[in-house]
Amino acid sequence: MNDQTEHITPPDFGDLSLKSRDDEADCGLCFSSADLLGIAGVATILHHGQRYQLRQTKAGKLILTK
């Protein structure tokens, strides 16, 4: 079997500041979309055994697809 899935090392979330800024609503555990999506512009999320992709559109919006 030929697995052509590209594997990208996820960012090190241990170094992120999780405190909310004064101009943002308190969102609990918050991540920057740039940190999640990285250079590739896409993040794969495993949820209950299903694989989803979070990506940024050309318009700069986020879309989650199965």
PDB file of N, CA and C in Angstrom:
ATOM      1  N   MET A   1       0.846  -1.175   0.000  1.00  0.00           N
ATOM      2  CA  MET A   1       0.000   0.000   0.000  1.00  0.00           C
ATOM      3  C   MET A   1       0.890   1.236   0.000  1.00  0.00           C
ATOM      4  N   ASN A   2       0.552   2.237  -0.812  1.00  0.00           N
ATOM      5  CA  ASN A   2       1.338   3.454  -0.934  1.00  0.00           C
ATOM      6  C   ASN A   2       0.656   4.573  -0.165  1.00  0.00           C
ATOM      7  N   ASP A   3       1.188   4.942   1.004  1.00  0.00           N
ATOM      8  CA  ASP A   3       0.609   5.997   1.832  1.00  0.00           C
ATOM      9  C   ASP A   3       1.250   7.323   1.456  1.00  0.00           C
ATOM     10  N   GLN A   4       0.478   8.187   0.797  1.00  0.00           N
ATOM     11  CA  GLN A   4       1.004   9.470   0.360  1.00  0.00           C
ATOM     12  C   GLN A   4       0.552  10.602   1.267  1.00  0.00           C
ATOM     13  N   THR A   5       0.081  10.286   2.473  1.00  0.00           N
ATOM     14  CA  THR A   5      -0.347  11.300   3.419  1.00  0.00           C
ATOM     15  C   THR A   5       0.856  12.105   3.871  1.00  0.00           C
ATOM     16  N   GLU A   6       0.739  13.425   3.797  1.00  0.00           N
ATOM     17  CA  GLU A   6       1.822  14.299   4.235  1.00  0.00           C
ATOM     18  C   GLU A   6       1.716  14.484   5.741  1.00  0.00           C
ATOM     19  N   HIS A   7       2.800  14.252   6.436  1.00  0.00           N
ATOM     20  CA  HIS A   7       2.816  14.399   7.884  1.00  0.00           C
ATOM     21  C   HIS A   7       3.587  15.658   8.244  1.00  0.00           C
ATOM     22  N   ILE A   8       2.939  16.534   8.993  1.00  0.00           N
ATOM     23  CA  ILE A   8       3.549  17.787   9.421  1.00  0.00           C
ATOM     24  C   ILE A   8       3.654  17.774  10.932  1.00  0.00           C
ATOM     25  N   THR A   9       4.790  18.160  11.445  1.00  0.00           N
ATOM     26  CA  THR A   9       4.973  18.223  12.894  1.00  0.00           C
ATOM     27  C   THR A   9       4.108  19.342  13.452  1.00  0.00           C
ATOM     28  N   PRO A  10       3.249  19.047  14.439  1.00  0.00           N
ATOM     29  CA  PRO A  10       2.392  20.084  15.011  1.00  0.00           C
ATOM     30  C   PRO A  10       3.213  21.085  15.814  1.00  0.00           C
ATOM     31  N   PRO A  11       2.663  22.285  16.005  1.00  0.00           N
ATOM     32  CA  PRO A  11       3.381  23.274  16.801  1.00  0.00           C
ATOM     33  C   PRO A  11       3.500  22.833  18.248  1.00  0.00           C
ATOM     34  N   ASP A  12       4.477  23.373  18.950  1.00  0.00           N
ATOM     35  CA  ASP A  12       4.673  23.086  20.369  1.00  0.00           C
ATOM     36  C   ASP A  12       3.758  23.993  21.176  1.00  0.00           C
ATOM     37  N   PHE A  13       2.594  23.488  21.588  1.00  0.00           N
ATOM     38  CA  PHE A  13       1.631  24.295  22.315  1.00  0.00           C
ATOM     39  C   PHE A  13       2.067  24.597  23.736  1.00  0.00           C
ATOM     40  N   GLY A  14       3.122  23.947  24.221  1.00  0.00           N
ATOM     41  CA  GLY A  14       3.608  24.197  25.569  1.00  0.00           C
ATOM     42  C   GLY A  14       4.165  25.591  25.741  1.00  0.00           C
ATOM     43  N   ASP A  15       4.541  26.248  24.645  1.00  0.00           N
ATOM     44  CA  ASP A  15       5.123  27.579  24.723  1.00  0.00           C
ATOM     45  C   ASP A  15       4.110  28.693  24.517  1.00  0.00           C
ATOM     46  N   LEU A  16       2.852  28.376  24.268  1.00  0.00           N
ATOM     47  CA  LEU A  16       1.854  29.401  23.996  1.00  0.00           C
ATOM     48  C   LEU A  16       1.343  30.036  25.276  1.00  0.00           C
ATOM     49  N   SER A  17       1.105  31.315  25.211  1.00  0.00           N
ATOM     50  CA  SER A  17       0.467  32.013  26.319  1.00  0.00           C
ATOM     51  C   SER A  17      -1.037  31.822  26.165  1.00  0.00           C
ATOM     52  N   LEU A  18      -1.677  31.294  27.177  1.00  0.00           N
ATOM     53  CA  LEU A  18      -3.110  31.007  27.090  1.00  0.00           C
ATOM     54  C   LEU A  18      -3.958  32.060  27.785  1.00  0.00           C
ATOM     55  N   LYS A  19      -3.348  33.161  28.199  1.00  0.00           N
ATOM     56  CA  LYS A  19      -4.103  34.231  28.837  1.00  0.00           C
ATOM     57  C   LYS A  19      -4.803  35.047  27.764  1.00  0.00           C
ATOM     58  N   SER A  20      -6.056  35.419  28.024  1.00  0.00           N
ATOM     59  CA  SER A  20      -6.777  36.221  27.049  1.00  0.00           C
ATOM     60  C   SER A  20      -6.324  37.675  27.155  1.00  0.00           C
ATOM     61  N   ARG A  21      -6.337  38.374  26.023  1.00  0.00           N
ATOM     62  CA  ARG A  21      -5.979  39.784  26.014  1.00  0.00           C
ATOM     63  C   ARG A  21      -7.193  40.599  26.414  1.00  0.00           C
ATOM     64  N   ASP A  22      -6.973  41.840  26.813  1.00  0.00           N
ATOM     65  CA  ASP A  22      -8.060  42.711  27.252  1.00  0.00           C
ATOM     66  C   ASP A  22      -9.098  42.942  26.160  1.00  0.00           C
ATOM     67  N   ASP A  23      -8.670  42.967  24.896  1.00  0.00           N
ATOM     68  CA  ASP A  23      -9.592  43.254  23.804  1.00  0.00           C
ATOM     69  C   ASP A  23     -10.277  42.005  23.248  1.00  0.00           C
ATOM     70  N   GLU A  24     -10.081  40.856  23.866  1.00  0.00           N
ATOM     71  CA  GLU A  24     -10.719  39.615  23.432  1.00  0.00           C
ATOM     72  C   GLU A  24     -11.615  39.084  24.544  1.00  0.00           C
ATOM     73  N   ALA A  25     -12.707  38.430  24.153  1.00  0.00           N
ATOM     74  CA  ALA A  25     -13.566  37.781  25.138  1.00  0.00           C
ATOM     75  C   ALA A  25     -12.806  36.599  25.729  1.00  0.00           C
ATOM     76  N   ASP A  26     -13.083  36.278  26.985  1.00  0.00           N
ATOM     77  CA  ASP A  26     -12.430  35.132  27.623  1.00  0.00           C
ATOM     78  C   ASP A  26     -12.947  33.865  26.956  1.00  0.00           C
ATOM     79  N   CYS A  27     -12.073  33.181  26.247  1.00  0.00           N
ATOM     80  CA  CYS A  27     -12.489  31.994  25.498  1.00  0.00           C
ATOM     81  C   CYS A  27     -11.938  30.716  26.108  1.00  0.00           C
ATOM     82  N   GLY A  28     -11.434  30.780  27.331  1.00  0.00           N
ATOM     83  CA  GLY A  28     -10.870  29.584  27.943  1.00  0.00           C
ATOM     84  C   GLY A  28      -9.570  29.223  27.265  1.00  0.00           C
ATOM     85  N   LEU A  29      -9.462  28.009  26.760  1.00  0.00           N
ATOM     86  CA  LEU A  29      -8.267  27.552  26.057  1.00  0.00           C
ATOM     87  C   LEU A  29      -8.337  28.053  24.613  1.00  0.00           C
ATOM     88  N   CYS A  30      -7.516  29.030  24.263  1.00  0.00           N
ATOM     89  CA  CYS A  30      -7.564  29.666  22.941  1.00  0.00           C
ATOM     90  C   CYS A  30      -6.304  29.374  22.146  1.00  0.00           C
ATOM     91  N   PHE A  31      -6.470  29.223  20.845  1.00  0.00           N
ATOM     92  CA  PHE A  31      -5.353  29.005  19.937  1.00  0.00           C
ATOM     93  C   PHE A  31      -5.477  29.973  18.769  1.00  0.00           C
ATOM     94  N   SER A  32      -4.379  30.448  18.293  1.00  0.00           N
ATOM     95  CA  SER A  32      -4.345  31.263  17.086  1.00  0.00           C
ATOM     96  C   SER A  32      -4.535  30.344  15.884  1.00  0.00           C
ATOM     97  N   SER A  33      -5.332  30.777  14.915  1.00  0.00           N
ATOM     98  CA  SER A  33      -5.508  29.953  13.717  1.00  0.00           C
ATOM     99  C   SER A  33      -4.176  29.763  12.995  1.00  0.00           C
ATOM    100  N   ALA A  34      -3.303  30.750  13.050  1.00  0.00           N
ATOM    101  CA  ALA A  34      -1.983  30.623  12.418  1.00  0.00           C
ATOM    102  C   ALA A  34      -1.174  29.516  13.083  1.00  0.00           C
ATOM    103  N   ASP A  35      -1.289  29.388  14.410  1.00  0.00           N
ATOM    104  CA  ASP A  35      -0.584  28.324  15.123  1.00  0.00           C
ATOM    105  C   ASP A  35      -1.156  26.954  14.768  1.00  0.00           C
ATOM    106  N   LEU A  36      -2.475  26.864  14.634  1.00  0.00           N
ATOM    107  CA  LEU A  36      -3.108  25.582  14.313  1.00  0.00           C
ATOM    108  C   LEU A  36      -2.857  25.156  12.868  1.00  0.00           C
ATOM    109  N   LEU A  37      -2.981  26.083  11.949  1.00  0.00           N
ATOM    110  CA  LEU A  37      -2.907  25.747  10.531  1.00  0.00           C
ATOM    111  C   LEU A  37      -1.485  25.701   9.996  1.00  0.00           C
ATOM    112  N   GLY A  38      -0.593  26.440  10.613  1.00  0.00           N
ATOM    113  CA  GLY A  38       0.798  26.445  10.182  1.00  0.00           C
ATOM    114  C   GLY A  38       0.960  26.915   8.748  1.00  0.00           C
ATOM    115  N   ILE A  39       2.111  26.649   8.188  1.00  0.00           N
ATOM    116  CA  ILE A  39       2.434  27.085   6.830  1.00  0.00           C
ATOM    117  C   ILE A  39       1.529  26.414   5.800  1.00  0.00           C
ATOM    118  N   ALA A  40       1.153  25.170   6.052  1.00  0.00           N
ATOM    119  CA  ALA A  40       0.329  24.417   5.098  1.00  0.00           C
ATOM    120  C   ALA A  40      -1.086  24.978   4.982  1.00  0.00           C
ATOM    121  N   GLY A  41      -1.558  25.706   5.996  1.00  0.00           N
ATOM    122  CA  GLY A  41      -2.899  26.272   5.950  1.00  0.00           C
ATOM    123  C   GLY A  41      -4.004  25.273   6.214  1.00  0.00           C
ATOM    124  N   VAL A  42      -3.642  24.115   6.757  1.00  0.00           N
ATOM    125  CA  VAL A  42      -4.642  23.085   7.043  1.00  0.00           C
ATOM    126  C   VAL A  42      -4.224  22.296   8.278  1.00  0.00           C
ATOM    127  N   ALA A  43      -5.205  21.944   9.090  1.00  0.00           N
ATOM    128  CA  ALA A  43      -4.960  21.106  10.264  1.00  0.00           C
ATOM    129  C   ALA A  43      -5.912  19.921  10.207  1.00  0.00           C
ATOM    130  N   THR A  44      -5.415  18.745  10.515  1.00  0.00           N
ATOM    131  CA  THR A  44      -6.253  17.554  10.580  1.00  0.00           C
ATOM    132  C   THR A  44      -6.626  17.315  12.028  1.00  0.00           C
ATOM    133  N   ILE A  45      -7.922  17.108  12.260  1.00  0.00           N
ATOM    134  CA  ILE A  45      -8.452  16.904  13.606  1.00  0.00           C
ATOM    135  C   ILE A  45      -9.099  15.529  13.661  1.00  0.00           C
ATOM    136  N   LEU A  46      -8.691  14.711  14.623  1.00  0.00           N
ATOM    137  CA  LEU A  46      -9.333  13.417  14.844  1.00  0.00           C
ATOM    138  C   LEU A  46     -10.383  13.600  15.928  1.00  0.00           C
ATOM    139  N   HIS A  47     -11.630  13.229  15.624  1.00  0.00           N
ATOM    140  CA  HIS A  47     -12.744  13.401  16.559  1.00  0.00           C
ATOM    141  C   HIS A  47     -13.600  12.142  16.520  1.00  0.00           C
ATOM    142  N   HIS A  48     -13.632  11.416  17.620  1.00  0.00           N
ATOM    143  CA  HIS A  48     -14.402  10.167  17.720  1.00  0.00           C
ATOM    144  C   HIS A  48     -14.085   9.217  16.566  1.00  0.00           C
ATOM    145  N   GLY A  49     -12.808   9.087  16.254  1.00  0.00           N
ATOM    146  CA  GLY A  49     -12.383   8.164  15.215  1.00  0.00           C
ATOM    147  C   GLY A  49     -12.561   8.669  13.793  1.00  0.00           C
ATOM    148  N   GLN A  50     -13.097   9.860  13.634  1.00  0.00           N
ATOM    149  CA  GLN A  50     -13.294  10.452  12.311  1.00  0.00           C
ATOM    150  C   GLN A  50     -12.246  11.535  12.077  1.00  0.00           C
ATOM    151  N   ARG A  51     -11.832  11.683  10.836  1.00  0.00           N
ATOM    152  CA  ARG A  51     -10.811  12.665  10.471  1.00  0.00           C
ATOM    153  C   ARG A  51     -11.484  13.873   9.812  1.00  0.00           C
ATOM    154  N   TYR A  52     -11.196  15.063  10.326  1.00  0.00           N
ATOM    155  CA  TYR A  52     -11.717  16.313   9.791  1.00  0.00           C
ATOM    156  C   TYR A  52     -10.551  17.207   9.402  1.00  0.00           C
ATOM    157  N   GLN A  53     -10.791  18.110   8.457  1.00  0.00           N
ATOM    158  CA  GLN A  53      -9.767  19.072   8.080  1.00  0.00           C
ATOM    159  C   GLN A  53     -10.282  20.479   8.335  1.00  0.00           C
ATOM    160  N   LEU A  54      -9.477  21.248   9.054  1.00  0.00           N
ATOM    161  CA  LEU A  54      -9.742  22.663   9.272  1.00  0.00           C
ATOM    162  C   LEU A  54      -8.795  23.415   8.353  1.00  0.00           C
ATOM    163  N   ARG A  55      -9.349  24.248   7.483  1.00  0.00           N
ATOM    164  CA  ARG A  55      -8.497  24.971   6.539  1.00  0.00           C
ATOM    165  C   ARG A  55      -8.971  26.403   6.392  1.00  0.00           C
ATOM    166  N   GLN A  56      -8.068  27.226   5.906  1.00  0.00           N
ATOM    167  CA  GLN A  56      -8.386  28.619   5.640  1.00  0.00           C
ATOM    168  C   GLN A  56      -8.722  28.763   4.167  1.00  0.00           C
ATOM    169  N   THR A  57      -9.828  29.455   3.876  1.00  0.00           N
ATOM    170  CA  THR A  57     -10.225  29.688   2.490  1.00  0.00           C
ATOM    171  C   THR A  57      -9.412  30.840   1.904  1.00  0.00           C
ATOM    172  N   LYS A  58      -9.521  31.034   0.602  1.00  0.00           N
ATOM    173  CA  LYS A  58      -8.837  32.160  -0.046  1.00  0.00           C
ATOM    174  C   LYS A  58      -9.326  33.492   0.498  1.00  0.00           C
ATOM    175  N   ALA A  59     -10.565  33.522   1.000  1.00  0.00           N
ATOM    176  CA  ALA A  59     -11.138  34.744   1.572  1.00  0.00           C
ATOM    177  C   ALA A  59     -10.703  34.954   3.021  1.00  0.00           C
ATOM    178  N   GLY A  60      -9.918  34.016   3.561  1.00  0.00           N
ATOM    179  CA  GLY A  60      -9.418  34.158   4.924  1.00  0.00           C
ATOM    180  C   GLY A  60     -10.349  33.613   5.992  1.00  0.00           C
ATOM    181  N   LYS A  61     -11.405  32.923   5.596  1.00  0.00           N
ATOM    182  CA  LYS A  61     -12.334  32.326   6.559  1.00  0.00           C
ATOM    183  C   LYS A  61     -11.916  30.891   6.838  1.00  0.00           C
ATOM    184  N   LEU A  62     -12.453  30.330   7.915  1.00  0.00           N
ATOM    185  CA  LEU A  62     -12.144  28.946   8.275  1.00  0.00           C
ATOM    186  C   LEU A  62     -13.288  28.032   7.867  1.00  0.00           C
ATOM    187  N   ILE A  63     -12.933  26.840   7.412  1.00  0.00           N
ATOM    188  CA  ILE A  63     -13.937  25.848   7.051  1.00  0.00           C
ATOM    189  C   ILE A  63     -13.490  24.496   7.597  1.00  0.00           C
ATOM    190  N   LEU A  64     -14.433  23.770   8.192  1.00  0.00           N
ATOM    191  CA  LEU A  64     -14.177  22.436   8.735  1.00  0.00           C
ATOM    192  C   LEU A  64     -14.922  21.435   7.870  1.00  0.00           C
ATOM    193  N   THR A  65     -14.184  20.484   7.294  1.00  0.00           N
ATOM    194  CA  THR A  65     -14.799  19.482   6.426  1.00  0.00           C
ATOM    195  C   THR A  65     -14.415  18.089   6.886  1.00  0.00           C
ATOM    196  N   LYS A  66     -15.269  17.136   6.566  1.00  0.00           N
ATOM    197  CA  LYS A  66     -15.024  15.733   6.907  1.00  0.00           C
ATOM    198  C   LYS A  66     -14.356  15.059   5.744  1.00  0.00           C
TER     199      LYS A  66
END
